[in-house]
Amino acid sequence: MSQGKLYDSINGELIVGVEYRMFDTSVDNWWGELNLADYMRIPDGSYILELADGRRGRCILNRKLNKAISGLLPLHCFRFRGSSKIE
């Protein structure tokens, strides 16, 4: 998994570090899964994801609840889908 950062989409403030895996890296239709680096509650919604190479894009996060079976807390596991180009 790659290291990245998650930012608030409204004020641009850093929320938390993340580990992510991209399943589709096309510029207009990127998506994948991420895990939060720190234990915290964040709601589903719109965020800015900064990738390991410094590029950023707006994305929508949705909790992935079935990860609890694998021993990871569901609060840490999300799916993301890009809602803007990665730049």
PDB file of N, CA and C in Angstrom:
ATOM      1  N   MET A   1       0.843  -1.186   0.000  1.00  0.00           N
ATOM      2  CA  MET A   1       0.000   0.000   0.000  1.00  0.00           C
ATOM      3  C   MET A   1       0.884   1.243   0.000  1.00  0.00           C
ATOM      4  N   SER A   2       0.374   2.289  -0.609  1.00  0.00           N
ATOM      5  CA  SER A   2       1.096   3.561  -0.701  1.00  0.00           C
ATOM      6  C   SER A   2       0.641   4.502   0.410  1.00  0.00           C
ATOM      7  N   GLN A   3       1.516   5.436   0.774  1.00  0.00           N
ATOM      8  CA  GLN A   3       1.219   6.418   1.812  1.00  0.00           C
ATOM      9  C   GLN A   3       0.659   7.685   1.171  1.00  0.00           C
ATOM     10  N   GLY A   4      -0.365   8.252   1.802  1.00  0.00           N
ATOM     11  CA  GLY A   4      -0.947   9.492   1.315  1.00  0.00           C
ATOM     12  C   GLY A   4      -1.496  10.305   2.468  1.00  0.00           C
ATOM     13  N   LYS A   5      -2.248  11.354   2.132  1.00  0.00           N
ATOM     14  CA  LYS A   5      -2.845  12.224   3.146  1.00  0.00           C
ATOM     15  C   LYS A   5      -4.270  12.557   2.739  1.00  0.00           C
ATOM     16  N   LEU A   6      -5.111  12.721   3.743  1.00  0.00           N
ATOM     17  CA  LEU A   6      -6.503  13.074   3.520  1.00  0.00           C
ATOM     18  C   LEU A   6      -6.756  14.473   4.073  1.00  0.00           C
ATOM     19  N   TYR A   7      -7.347  15.336   3.226  1.00  0.00           N
ATOM     20  CA  TYR A   7      -7.609  16.724   3.589  1.00  0.00           C
ATOM     21  C   TYR A   7      -9.100  17.009   3.559  1.00  0.00           C
ATOM     22  N   ASP A   8      -9.523  17.980   4.373  1.00  0.00           N
ATOM     23  CA  ASP A   8     -10.894  18.466   4.350  1.00  0.00           C
ATOM     24  C   ASP A   8     -11.129  19.147   3.007  1.00  0.00           C
ATOM     25  N   SER A   9     -12.235  18.839   2.356  1.00  0.00           N
ATOM     26  CA  SER A   9     -12.486  19.392   1.020  1.00  0.00           C
ATOM     27  C   SER A   9     -12.960  20.847   1.065  1.00  0.00           C
ATOM     28  N   ILE A  10     -13.378  21.332   2.229  1.00  0.00           N
ATOM     29  CA  ILE A  10     -13.869  22.705   2.331  1.00  0.00           C
ATOM     30  C   ILE A  10     -12.752  23.677   2.682  1.00  0.00           C
ATOM     31  N   ASN A  11     -12.001  23.384   3.757  1.00  0.00           N
ATOM     32  CA  ASN A  11     -10.968  24.333   4.185  1.00  0.00           C
ATOM     33  C   ASN A  11      -9.549  23.879   3.856  1.00  0.00           C
ATOM     34  N   GLY A  12      -9.381  22.679   3.333  1.00  0.00           N
ATOM     35  CA  GLY A  12      -8.075  22.192   2.911  1.00  0.00           C
ATOM     36  C   GLY A  12      -7.143  21.770   4.032  1.00  0.00           C
ATOM     37  N   GLU A  13      -7.656  21.662   5.262  1.00  0.00           N
ATOM     38  CA  GLU A  13      -6.822  21.271   6.397  1.00  0.00           C
ATOM     39  C   GLU A  13      -6.558  19.773   6.389  1.00  0.00           C
ATOM     40  N   LEU A  14      -5.333  19.402   6.789  1.00  0.00           N
ATOM     41  CA  LEU A  14      -4.962  17.997   6.890  1.00  0.00           C
ATOM     42  C   LEU A  14      -5.790  17.324   7.977  1.00  0.00           C
ATOM     43  N   ILE A  15      -6.367  16.166   7.649  1.00  0.00           N
ATOM     44  CA  ILE A  15      -7.159  15.413   8.620  1.00  0.00           C
ATOM     45  C   ILE A  15      -6.337  14.267   9.192  1.00  0.00           C
ATOM     46  N   VAL A  16      -5.758  13.434   8.290  1.00  0.00           N
ATOM     47  CA  VAL A  16      -5.063  12.232   8.746  1.00  0.00           C
ATOM     48  C   VAL A  16      -4.223  11.661   7.602  1.00  0.00           C
ATOM     49  N   GLY A  17      -3.187  10.939   7.973  1.00  0.00           N
ATOM     50  CA  GLY A  17      -2.421  10.176   6.997  1.00  0.00           C
ATOM     51  C   GLY A  17      -3.182   8.912   6.641  1.00  0.00           C
ATOM     52  N   VAL A  18      -2.957   8.391   5.454  1.00  0.00           N
ATOM     53  CA  VAL A  18      -3.659   7.192   5.000  1.00  0.00           C
ATOM     54  C   VAL A  18      -2.695   6.252   4.274  1.00  0.00           C
ATOM     55  N   GLU A  19      -3.077   4.995   4.211  1.00  0.00           N
ATOM     56  CA  GLU A  19      -2.470   4.011   3.323  1.00  0.00           C
ATOM     57  C   GLU A  19      -3.534   3.670   2.303  1.00  0.00           C
ATOM     58  N   TYR A  20      -3.184   3.720   1.027  1.00  0.00           N
ATOM     59  CA  TYR A  20      -4.195   3.504  -0.004  1.00  0.00           C
ATOM     60  C   TYR A  20      -3.702   2.536  -1.069  1.00  0.00           C
ATOM     61  N   ARG A  21      -4.661   1.962  -1.755  1.00  0.00           N
ATOM     62  CA  ARG A  21      -4.397   1.103  -2.906  1.00  0.00           C
ATOM     63  C   ARG A  21      -5.334   1.535  -4.016  1.00  0.00           C
ATOM     64  N   MET A  22      -4.769   1.911  -5.156  1.00  0.00           N
ATOM     65  CA  MET A  22      -5.565   2.322  -6.317  1.00  0.00           C
ATOM     66  C   MET A  22      -5.878   1.097  -7.165  1.00  0.00           C
ATOM     67  N   PHE A  23      -7.139   0.960  -7.575  1.00  0.00           N
ATOM     68  CA  PHE A  23      -7.544  -0.135  -8.450  1.00  0.00           C
ATOM     69  C   PHE A  23      -7.734   0.342  -9.886  1.00  0.00           C
ATOM     70  N   ASP A  24      -7.989   1.623 -10.068  1.00  0.00           N
ATOM     71  CA  ASP A  24      -8.069   2.210 -11.405  1.00  0.00           C
ATOM     72  C   ASP A  24      -7.395   3.569 -11.316  1.00  0.00           C
ATOM     73  N   THR A  25      -6.387   3.800 -12.135  1.00  0.00           N
ATOM     74  CA  THR A  25      -5.624   5.039 -12.051  1.00  0.00           C
ATOM     75  C   THR A  25      -5.877   5.980 -13.219  1.00  0.00           C
ATOM     76  N   SER A  26      -6.913   5.709 -14.010  1.00  0.00           N
ATOM     77  CA  SER A  26      -7.202   6.631 -15.103  1.00  0.00           C
ATOM     78  C   SER A  26      -7.565   8.001 -14.529  1.00  0.00           C
ATOM     79  N   VAL A  27      -7.205   9.045 -15.226  1.00  0.00           N
ATOM     80  CA  VAL A  27      -7.321  10.412 -14.708  1.00  0.00           C
ATOM     81  C   VAL A  27      -8.755  10.785 -14.345  1.00  0.00           C
ATOM     82  N   ASP A  28      -9.730  10.324 -15.120  1.00  0.00           N
ATOM     83  CA  ASP A  28     -11.123  10.719 -14.884  1.00  0.00           C
ATOM     84  C   ASP A  28     -11.946   9.714 -14.090  1.00  0.00           C
ATOM     85  N   ASN A  29     -11.424   8.520 -13.852  1.00  0.00           N
ATOM     86  CA  ASN A  29     -12.229   7.478 -13.191  1.00  0.00           C
ATOM     87  C   ASN A  29     -11.369   6.693 -12.214  1.00  0.00           C
ATOM     88  N   TRP A  30     -10.720   7.366 -11.283  1.00  0.00           N
ATOM     89  CA  TRP A  30      -9.831   6.693 -10.347  1.00  0.00           C
ATOM     90  C   TRP A  30     -10.584   6.293  -9.087  1.00  0.00           C
ATOM     91  N   TRP A  31     -10.187   5.145  -8.536  1.00  0.00           N
ATOM     92  CA  TRP A  31     -10.836   4.675  -7.317  1.00  0.00           C
ATOM     93  C   TRP A  31      -9.954   3.647  -6.636  1.00  0.00           C
ATOM     94  N   GLY A  32     -10.285   3.327  -5.379  1.00  0.00           N
ATOM     95  CA  GLY A  32      -9.524   2.342  -4.633  1.00  0.00           C
ATOM     96  C   GLY A  32     -10.015   2.226  -3.201  1.00  0.00           C
ATOM     97  N   GLU A  33      -9.130   1.744  -2.336  1.00  0.00           N
ATOM     98  CA  GLU A  33      -9.438   1.584  -0.921  1.00  0.00           C
ATOM     99  C   GLU A  33      -8.355   2.263  -0.104  1.00  0.00           C
ATOM    100  N   LEU A  34      -8.736   2.726   1.076  1.00  0.00           N
ATOM    101  CA  LEU A  34      -7.735   3.308   1.967  1.00  0.00           C
ATOM    102  C   LEU A  34      -8.028   2.948   3.409  1.00  0.00           C
ATOM    103  N   ASN A  35      -6.959   2.985   4.202  1.00  0.00           N
ATOM    104  CA  ASN A  35      -7.033   2.782   5.644  1.00  0.00           C
ATOM    105  C   ASN A  35      -6.464   4.021   6.313  1.00  0.00           C
ATOM    106  N   LEU A  36      -7.116   4.477   7.375  1.00  0.00           N
ATOM    107  CA  LEU A  36      -6.626   5.628   8.121  1.00  0.00           C
ATOM    108  C   LEU A  36      -5.414   5.222   8.945  1.00  0.00           C
ATOM    109  N   ALA A  37      -4.418   6.084   9.021  1.00  0.00           N
ATOM    110  CA  ALA A  37      -3.204   5.800   9.788  1.00  0.00           C
ATOM    111  C   ALA A  37      -3.465   5.901  11.289  1.00  0.00           C
ATOM    112  N   ASP A  38      -4.405   6.745  11.686  1.00  0.00           N
ATOM    113  CA  ASP A  38      -4.740   6.933  13.102  1.00  0.00           C
ATOM    114  C   ASP A  38      -6.186   6.535  13.343  1.00  0.00           C
ATOM    115  N   TYR A  39      -6.457   6.086  14.567  1.00  0.00           N
ATOM    116  CA  TYR A  39      -7.815   5.721  14.936  1.00  0.00           C
ATOM    117  C   TYR A  39      -8.623   6.995  15.145  1.00  0.00           C
ATOM    118  N   MET A  40      -9.557   7.241  14.251  1.00  0.00           N
ATOM    119  CA  MET A  40     -10.440   8.398  14.393  1.00  0.00           C
ATOM    120  C   MET A  40     -11.707   8.145  13.593  1.00  0.00           C
ATOM    121  N   ARG A  41     -12.758   8.815  13.967  1.00  0.00           N
ATOM    122  CA  ARG A  41     -14.018   8.713  13.232  1.00  0.00           C
ATOM    123  C   ARG A  41     -14.097   9.861  12.240  1.00  0.00           C
ATOM    124  N   ILE A  42     -14.322   9.518  10.989  1.00  0.00           N
ATOM    125  CA  ILE A  42     -14.614  10.538   9.992  1.00  0.00           C
ATOM    126  C   ILE A  42     -15.855  10.088   9.238  1.00  0.00           C
ATOM    127  N   PRO A  43     -16.728  11.007   8.912  1.00  0.00           N
ATOM    128  CA  PRO A  43     -17.957  10.632   8.213  1.00  0.00           C
ATOM    129  C   PRO A  43     -17.694  10.357   6.727  1.00  0.00           C
ATOM    130  N   ASP A  44     -18.560   9.561   6.122  1.00  0.00           N
ATOM    131  CA  ASP A  44     -18.529   9.410   4.670  1.00  0.00           C
ATOM    132  C   ASP A  44     -18.730  10.792   4.058  1.00  0.00           C
ATOM    133  N   GLY A  45     -18.145  11.006   2.899  1.00  0.00           N
ATOM    134  CA  GLY A  45     -18.344  12.296   2.248  1.00  0.00           C
ATOM    135  C   GLY A  45     -17.204  12.683   1.345  1.00  0.00           C
ATOM    136  N   SER A  46     -17.116  13.969   1.055  1.00  0.00           N
ATOM    137  CA  SER A  46     -16.151  14.504   0.101  1.00  0.00           C
ATOM    138  C   SER A  46     -14.869  14.941   0.815  1.00  0.00           C
ATOM    139  N   TYR A  47     -13.723  14.524   0.270  1.00  0.00           N
ATOM    140  CA  TYR A  47     -12.408  14.836   0.813  1.00  0.00           C
ATOM    141  C   TYR A  47     -11.439  15.071  -0.338  1.00  0.00           C
ATOM    142  N   ILE A  48     -10.245  15.534   0.000  1.00  0.00           N
ATOM    143  CA  ILE A  48      -9.166  15.637  -0.974  1.00  0.00           C
ATOM    144  C   ILE A  48      -8.109  14.619  -0.577  1.00  0.00           C
ATOM    145  N   LEU A  49      -7.744  13.759  -1.512  1.00  0.00           N
ATOM    146  CA  LEU A  49      -6.730  12.741  -1.272  1.00  0.00           C
ATOM    147  C   LEU A  49      -5.443  13.159  -1.957  1.00  0.00           C
ATOM    148  N   GLU A  50      -4.353  13.216  -1.173  1.00  0.00           N
ATOM    149  CA  GLU A  50      -3.039  13.482  -1.740  1.00  0.00           C
ATOM    150  C   GLU A  50      -2.309  12.158  -1.875  1.00  0.00           C
ATOM    151  N   LEU A  51      -1.867  11.847  -3.077  1.00  0.00           N
ATOM    152  CA  LEU A  51      -1.188  10.595  -3.362  1.00  0.00           C
ATOM    153  C   LEU A  51       0.286  10.681  -2.985  1.00  0.00           C
ATOM    154  N   ALA A  52       0.965   9.553  -2.981  1.00  0.00           N
ATOM    155  CA  ALA A  52       2.376   9.479  -2.602  1.00  0.00           C
ATOM    156  C   ALA A  52       3.257  10.353  -3.486  1.00  0.00           C
ATOM    157  N   ASP A  53       2.868  10.561  -4.739  1.00  0.00           N
ATOM    158  CA  ASP A  53       3.675  11.377  -5.657  1.00  0.00           C
ATOM    159  C   ASP A  53       3.336  12.865  -5.588  1.00  0.00           C
ATOM    160  N   GLY A  54       2.462  13.258  -4.649  1.00  0.00           N
ATOM    161  CA  GLY A  54       2.126  14.665  -4.448  1.00  0.00           C
ATOM    162  C   GLY A  54       0.915  15.155  -5.218  1.00  0.00           C
ATOM    163  N   ARG A  55       0.398  14.341  -6.148  1.00  0.00           N
ATOM    164  CA  ARG A  55      -0.804  14.752  -6.874  1.00  0.00           C
ATOM    165  C   ARG A  55      -1.999  14.702  -5.933  1.00  0.00           C
ATOM    166  N   ARG A  56      -3.004  15.529  -6.210  1.00  0.00           N
ATOM    167  CA  ARG A  56      -4.215  15.579  -5.383  1.00  0.00           C
ATOM    168  C   ARG A  56      -5.450  15.478  -6.251  1.00  0.00           C
ATOM    169  N   GLY A  57      -6.508  14.973  -5.643  1.00  0.00           N
ATOM    170  CA  GLY A  57      -7.794  14.925  -6.302  1.00  0.00           C
ATOM    171  C   GLY A  57      -8.909  14.835  -5.283  1.00  0.00           C
ATOM    172  N   ARG A  58     -10.041  15.394  -5.639  1.00  0.00           N
ATOM    173  CA  ARG A  58     -11.220  15.327  -4.771  1.00  0.00           C
ATOM    174  C   ARG A  58     -11.839  13.940  -4.918  1.00  0.00           C
ATOM    175  N   CYS A  59     -12.287  13.372  -3.798  1.00  0.00           N
ATOM    176  CA  CYS A  59     -12.877  12.036  -3.847  1.00  0.00           C
ATOM    177  C   CYS A  59     -14.022  11.919  -2.847  1.00  0.00           C
ATOM    178  N   ILE A  60     -14.826  10.906  -3.044  1.00  0.00           N
ATOM    179  CA  ILE A  60     -15.928  10.575  -2.142  1.00  0.00           C
ATOM    180  C   ILE A  60     -15.536   9.315  -1.379  1.00  0.00           C
ATOM    181  N   LEU A  61     -15.604   9.365  -0.035  1.00  0.00           N
ATOM    182  CA  LEU A  61     -15.289   8.202   0.802  1.00  0.00           C
ATOM    183  C   LEU A  61     -16.562   7.532   1.280  1.00  0.00           C
ATOM    184  N   ASN A  62     -16.539   6.201   1.296  1.00  0.00           N
ATOM    185  CA  ASN A  62     -17.614   5.398   1.868  1.00  0.00           C
ATOM    186  C   ASN A  62     -16.988   4.312   2.727  1.00  0.00           C
ATOM    187  N   ARG A  63     -17.490   4.145   3.955  1.00  0.00           N
ATOM    188  CA  ARG A  63     -16.979   3.110   4.849  1.00  0.00           C
ATOM    189  C   ARG A  63     -17.143   1.726   4.239  1.00  0.00           C
ATOM    190  N   LYS A  64     -16.145   0.901   4.452  1.00  0.00           N
ATOM    191  CA  LYS A  64     -16.192  -0.488   3.988  1.00  0.00           C
ATOM    192  C   LYS A  64     -16.296  -1.363   5.227  1.00  0.00           C
ATOM    193  N   LEU A  65     -17.497  -1.784   5.557  1.00  0.00           N
ATOM    194  CA  LEU A  65     -17.745  -2.456   6.836  1.00  0.00           C
ATOM    195  C   LEU A  65     -17.256  -3.895   6.887  1.00  0.00           C
ATOM    196  N   ASN A  66     -17.137  -4.573   5.770  1.00  0.00           N
ATOM    197  CA  ASN A  66     -16.781  -5.987   5.823  1.00  0.00           C
ATOM    198  C   ASN A  66     -15.319  -6.234   6.155  1.00  0.00           C
ATOM    199  N   LYS A  67     -14.489  -5.202   6.308  1.00  0.00           N
ATOM    200  CA  LYS A  67     -13.099  -5.380   6.689  1.00  0.00           C
ATOM    201  C   LYS A  67     -12.958  -5.856   8.134  1.00  0.00           C
ATOM    202  N   ALA A  68     -13.996  -5.722   8.960  1.00  0.00           N
ATOM    203  CA  ALA A  68     -13.917  -6.157  10.353  1.00  0.00           C
ATOM    204  C   ALA A  68     -13.629  -7.647  10.440  1.00  0.00           C
ATOM    205  N   ILE A  69     -14.046  -8.404   9.455  1.00  0.00           N
ATOM    206  CA  ILE A  69     -13.808  -9.845   9.436  1.00  0.00           C
ATOM    207  C   ILE A  69     -12.315 -10.140   9.366  1.00  0.00           C
ATOM    208  N   SER A  70     -11.553  -9.308   8.674  1.00  0.00           N
ATOM    209  CA  SER A  70     -10.119  -9.536   8.518  1.00  0.00           C
ATOM    210  C   SER A  70      -9.305  -9.001   9.696  1.00  0.00           C
ATOM    211  N   GLY A  71      -9.950  -8.505  10.717  1.00  0.00           N
ATOM    212  CA  GLY A  71      -9.261  -8.043  11.907  1.00  0.00           C
ATOM    213  C   GLY A  71      -8.998  -6.551  11.943  1.00  0.00           C
ATOM    214  N   LEU A  72      -9.365  -5.802  10.907  1.00  0.00           N
ATOM    215  CA  LEU A  72      -9.204  -4.355  10.909  1.00  0.00           C
ATOM    216  C   LEU A  72     -10.507  -3.711  11.375  1.00  0.00           C
ATOM    217  N   LEU A  73     -10.377  -2.648  12.137  1.00  0.00           N
ATOM    218  CA  LEU A  73     -11.575  -1.954  12.593  1.00  0.00           C
ATOM    219  C   LEU A  73     -12.271  -1.287  11.412  1.00  0.00           C
ATOM    220  N   PRO A  74     -13.590  -1.385  11.334  1.00  0.00           N
ATOM    221  CA  PRO A  74     -14.303  -0.807  10.200  1.00  0.00           C
ATOM    222  C   PRO A  74     -14.196   0.709  10.119  1.00  0.00           C
ATOM    223  N   LEU A  75     -13.866   1.375  11.233  1.00  0.00           N
ATOM    224  CA  LEU A  75     -13.709   2.824  11.198  1.00  0.00           C
ATOM    225  C   LEU A  75     -12.512   3.239  10.363  1.00  0.00           C
ATOM    226  N   HIS A  76     -11.576   2.349  10.136  1.00  0.00           N
ATOM    227  CA  HIS A  76     -10.350   2.655   9.425  1.00  0.00           C
ATOM    228  C   HIS A  76     -10.434   2.389   7.932  1.00  0.00           C
ATOM    229  N   CYS A  77     -11.408   1.637   7.468  1.00  0.00           N
ATOM    230  CA  CYS A  77     -11.426   1.143   6.093  1.00  0.00           C
ATOM    231  C   CYS A  77     -12.476   1.860   5.249  1.00  0.00           C
ATOM    232  N   PHE A  78     -12.042   2.400   4.121  1.00  0.00           N
ATOM    233  CA  PHE A  78     -12.926   3.149   3.236  1.00  0.00           C
ATOM    234  C   PHE A  78     -12.661   2.781   1.786  1.00  0.00           C
ATOM    235  N   ARG A  79     -13.682   2.930   0.979  1.00  0.00           N
ATOM    236  CA  ARG A  79     -13.524   2.935  -0.468  1.00  0.00           C
ATOM    237  C   ARG A  79     -13.587   4.377  -0.908  1.00  0.00           C
ATOM    238  N   PHE A  80     -12.820   4.723  -1.924  1.00  0.00           N
ATOM    239  CA  PHE A  80     -12.891   6.079  -2.456  1.00  0.00           C
ATOM    240  C   PHE A  80     -13.078   6.030  -3.960  1.00  0.00           C
ATOM    241  N   ARG A  81     -13.756   7.048  -4.458  1.00  0.00           N
ATOM    242  CA  ARG A  81     -13.955   7.227  -5.898  1.00  0.00           C
ATOM    243  C   ARG A  81     -13.679   8.684  -6.219  1.00  0.00           C
ATOM    244  N   GLY A  82     -12.822   8.903  -7.202  1.00  0.00           N
ATOM    245  CA  GLY A  82     -12.467  10.261  -7.589  1.00  0.00           C
ATOM    246  C   GLY A  82     -13.657  11.023  -8.141  1.00  0.00           C
ATOM    247  N   SER A  83     -13.782  12.277  -7.728  1.00  0.00           N
ATOM    248  CA  SER A  83     -14.846  13.136  -8.249  1.00  0.00           C
ATOM    249  C   SER A  83     -14.255  14.331  -9.001  1.00  0.00           C
ATOM    250  N   SER A  84     -12.940  14.317  -9.184  1.00  0.00           N
ATOM    251  CA  SER A  84     -12.252  15.329  -9.988  1.00  0.00           C
ATOM    252  C   SER A  84     -11.007  14.675 -10.577  1.00  0.00           C
ATOM    253  N   LYS A  85     -10.336  15.372 -11.471  1.00  0.00           N
ATOM    254  CA  LYS A  85      -9.095  14.852 -12.042  1.00  0.00           C
ATOM    255  C   LYS A  85      -8.001  14.868 -10.984  1.00  0.00           C
ATOM    256  N   ILE A  86      -7.054  13.937 -11.092  1.00  0.00           N
ATOM    257  CA  ILE A  86      -5.884  13.919 -10.219  1.00  0.00           C
ATOM    258  C   ILE A  86      -4.868  14.893 -10.811  1.00  0.00           C
ATOM    259  N   GLU A  87      -4.486  15.895 -10.031  1.00  0.00           N
ATOM    260  CA  GLU A  87      -3.520  16.891 -10.526  1.00  0.00           C
ATOM    261  C   GLU A  87      -2.447  17.143  -9.493  1.00  0.00           C
TER     262      GLU A  87
END
